Amino acid sequence: MNISELASAAAEALADRESTGKAVTSITVETIRDGSGWISYAGTALVTHHDGETQTLNIRDTALSAALEQHADDEAELGSVPTVVIPILLPKVLAREQPGPL
């Protein structure tokens, strides 16, 4: 699983939430271990805004949750399932052409 697939799923999850009007810089998802020792990713993510403020985001039953499940399988094959921090790139702002003299 590559980061672009996770970033795309994260952007979709962000689009479904109520906007705060603040730019998001990253989404962090911690791992959890159940009673049998199975490690997976939590059903909530920590959203970090450009000003450092954070909020939680429910990601259960989202494309991000499904992508993280696949990512956990890939990571488990390598021997660990680390916390995932998904950077969110700010949208590109196109420069408007300045009108020339009339």
C-alpha atoms as a PDB file:
ATOM      1  CA  MET A   1       0.000   0.000   0.000  1.00  0.00           C
ATOM      2  CA  ASN A   2       1.476   3.344  -0.886  1.00  0.00           C
ATOM      3  CA  ILE A   3       0.896   6.680   0.787  1.00  0.00           C
ATOM      4  CA  SER A   4      -0.985   8.122  -2.202  1.00  0.00           C
ATOM      5  CA  GLU A   5      -3.743   5.517  -1.771  1.00  0.00           C
ATOM      6  CA  LEU A   6      -3.995   6.336   1.926  1.00  0.00           C
ATOM      7  CA  ALA A   7      -3.952  10.081   1.175  1.00  0.00           C
ATOM      8  CA  SER A   8      -6.753   9.707  -1.367  1.00  0.00           C
ATOM      9  CA  ALA A   9      -8.892   7.747   1.124  1.00  0.00           C
ATOM     10  CA  ALA A  10      -8.075  10.311   3.840  1.00  0.00           C
ATOM     11  CA  ALA A  11      -9.155  13.188   1.582  1.00  0.00           C
ATOM     12  CA  GLU A  12     -12.448  11.387   0.971  1.00  0.00           C
ATOM     13  CA  ALA A  13     -12.984  10.954   4.724  1.00  0.00           C
ATOM     14  CA  LEU A  14     -12.253  14.651   5.269  1.00  0.00           C
ATOM     15  CA  ALA A  15     -14.731  15.645   2.565  1.00  0.00           C
ATOM     16  CA  ASP A  16     -17.523  13.865   4.465  1.00  0.00           C
ATOM     17  CA  ARG A  17     -16.999  15.805   7.698  1.00  0.00           C
ATOM     18  CA  GLU A  18     -18.344  19.178   8.721  1.00  0.00           C
ATOM     19  CA  SER A  19     -15.855  21.823   7.639  1.00  0.00           C
ATOM     20  CA  THR A  20     -14.034  23.851  10.259  1.00  0.00           C
ATOM     21  CA  GLY A  21     -12.732  26.360   7.726  1.00  0.00           C
ATOM     22  CA  LYS A  22      -9.168  25.400   8.661  1.00  0.00           C
ATOM     23  CA  ALA A  23      -6.637  23.700   6.438  1.00  0.00           C
ATOM     24  CA  VAL A  24      -5.694  20.177   7.486  1.00  0.00           C
ATOM     25  CA  THR A  25      -2.014  19.227   7.498  1.00  0.00           C
ATOM     26  CA  SER A  26      -2.229  15.562   8.531  1.00  0.00           C
ATOM     27  CA  ILE A  27      -4.329  12.671   9.732  1.00  0.00           C
ATOM     28  CA  THR A  28      -2.869  10.318  12.332  1.00  0.00           C
ATOM     29  CA  VAL A  29      -4.270   6.871  13.051  1.00  0.00           C
ATOM     30  CA  GLU A  30      -2.987   4.872  16.026  1.00  0.00           C
ATOM     31  CA  THR A  31      -2.921   1.105  16.289  1.00  0.00           C
ATOM     32  CA  ILE A  32      -4.989  -0.847  18.791  1.00  0.00           C
ATOM     33  CA  ARG A  33      -4.500  -4.382  20.130  1.00  0.00           C
ATOM     34  CA  ASP A  34      -7.470  -6.520  21.071  1.00  0.00           C
ATOM     35  CA  GLY A  35      -7.543  -9.109  23.846  1.00  0.00           C
ATOM     36  CA  SER A  36      -6.220 -11.845  21.563  1.00  0.00           C
ATOM     37  CA  GLY A  37      -3.217  -9.749  20.537  1.00  0.00           C
ATOM     38  CA  TRP A  38      -4.532  -8.809  17.088  1.00  0.00           C
ATOM     39  CA  ILE A  39      -3.252  -5.373  16.020  1.00  0.00           C
ATOM     40  CA  SER A  40      -5.351  -3.131  13.812  1.00  0.00           C
ATOM     41  CA  TYR A  41      -5.963   0.551  13.268  1.00  0.00           C
ATOM     42  CA  ALA A  42      -8.353   2.524  15.454  1.00  0.00           C
ATOM     43  CA  GLY A  43     -11.763   3.580  14.176  1.00  0.00           C
ATOM     44  CA  THR A  44     -10.960   7.212  14.856  1.00  0.00           C
ATOM     45  CA  ALA A  45      -8.245   9.442  13.481  1.00  0.00           C
ATOM     46  CA  LEU A  46      -6.614  12.584  14.824  1.00  0.00           C
ATOM     47  CA  VAL A  47      -6.909  15.463  12.362  1.00  0.00           C
ATOM     48  CA  THR A  48      -4.241  18.145  12.729  1.00  0.00           C
ATOM     49  CA  HIS A  49      -4.934  21.619  11.366  1.00  0.00           C
ATOM     50  CA  HIS A  50      -2.340  24.082  10.094  1.00  0.00           C
ATOM     51  CA  ASP A  51      -2.554  26.032  13.360  1.00  0.00           C
ATOM     52  CA  GLY A  52      -1.763  22.930  15.448  1.00  0.00           C
ATOM     53  CA  GLU A  53      -5.329  22.446  16.667  1.00  0.00           C
ATOM     54  CA  THR A  54      -6.564  18.851  16.520  1.00  0.00           C
ATOM     55  CA  GLN A  55      -9.897  17.097  16.378  1.00  0.00           C
ATOM     56  CA  THR A  56     -11.012  13.487  16.160  1.00  0.00           C
ATOM     57  CA  LEU A  57     -12.631  12.033  13.073  1.00  0.00           C
ATOM     58  CA  ASN A  58     -14.692   8.845  12.990  1.00  0.00           C
ATOM     59  CA  ILE A  59     -13.315   6.721  10.148  1.00  0.00           C
ATOM     60  CA  ARG A  60     -15.303   3.536  10.763  1.00  0.00           C
ATOM     61  CA  ASP A  61     -16.805   2.077   7.576  1.00  0.00           C
ATOM     62  CA  THR A  62     -14.973   4.540   5.309  1.00  0.00           C
ATOM     63  CA  ALA A  63     -12.607   4.053   2.385  1.00  0.00           C
ATOM     64  CA  LEU A  64      -9.840   5.159   4.762  1.00  0.00           C
ATOM     65  CA  SER A  65     -10.692   2.374   7.203  1.00  0.00           C
ATOM     66  CA  ALA A  66     -10.605  -0.178   4.374  1.00  0.00           C
ATOM     67  CA  ALA A  67      -7.293   1.192   3.054  1.00  0.00           C
ATOM     68  CA  LEU A  68      -5.793   1.053   6.552  1.00  0.00           C
ATOM     69  CA  GLU A  69      -6.929  -2.546   6.953  1.00  0.00           C
ATOM     70  CA  GLN A  70      -5.006  -3.448   3.787  1.00  0.00           C
ATOM     71  CA  HIS A  71      -2.050  -1.378   4.992  1.00  0.00           C
ATOM     72  CA  ALA A  72      -2.089  -3.232   8.341  1.00  0.00           C
ATOM     73  CA  ASP A  73      -1.954  -6.563   6.509  1.00  0.00           C
ATOM     74  CA  ASP A  74       1.026  -5.348   4.460  1.00  0.00           C
ATOM     75  CA  GLU A  75       2.820  -4.008   7.538  1.00  0.00           C
ATOM     76  CA  ALA A  76       2.131  -7.134   9.608  1.00  0.00           C
ATOM     77  CA  GLU A  77       3.945  -9.178   6.955  1.00  0.00           C
ATOM     78  CA  LEU A  78       6.974  -6.950   7.627  1.00  0.00           C
ATOM     79  CA  GLY A  79       6.713  -7.610  11.374  1.00  0.00           C
ATOM     80  CA  SER A  80       5.059  -4.483  12.785  1.00  0.00           C
ATOM     81  CA  VAL A  81       2.017  -2.258  12.441  1.00  0.00           C
ATOM     82  CA  PRO A  82       3.113   1.314  13.171  1.00  0.00           C
ATOM     83  CA  THR A  83       1.064   4.449  13.701  1.00  0.00           C
ATOM     84  CA  VAL A  84       0.192   6.012  10.355  1.00  0.00           C
ATOM     85  CA  VAL A  85       0.592   9.734   9.724  1.00  0.00           C
ATOM     86  CA  ILE A  86      -0.927  10.776   6.409  1.00  0.00           C
ATOM     87  CA  PRO A  87       0.194  14.204   5.179  1.00  0.00           C
ATOM     88  CA  ILE A  88      -2.538  16.246   3.556  1.00  0.00           C
ATOM     89  CA  LEU A  89      -1.250  18.557   0.874  1.00  0.00           C
ATOM     90  CA  LEU A  90      -2.883  21.920   0.543  1.00  0.00           C
ATOM     91  CA  PRO A  91      -4.651  22.381  -2.770  1.00  0.00           C
ATOM     92  CA  LYS A  92      -2.665  24.234  -5.376  1.00  0.00           C
ATOM     93  CA  VAL A  93      -3.771  27.799  -5.832  1.00  0.00           C
ATOM     94  CA  LEU A  94      -3.624  28.929  -9.403  1.00  0.00           C
ATOM     95  CA  ALA A  95      -2.327  32.431  -9.885  1.00  0.00           C
ATOM     96  CA  ARG A  96      -4.812  34.645 -11.634  1.00  0.00           C
ATOM     97  CA  GLU A  97      -3.482  36.693 -14.450  1.00  0.00           C
ATOM     98  CA  GLN A  98      -3.440  40.361 -13.638  1.00  0.00           C
ATOM     99  CA  PRO A  99      -5.315  42.404 -16.203  1.00  0.00           C
ATOM    100  CA  GLY A 100      -3.015  44.436 -18.373  1.00  0.00           C
ATOM    101  CA  PRO A 101      -3.404  48.124 -19.096  1.00  0.00           C
ATOM    102  CA  LEU A 102      -6.359  48.987 -21.245  1.00  0.00           C
END
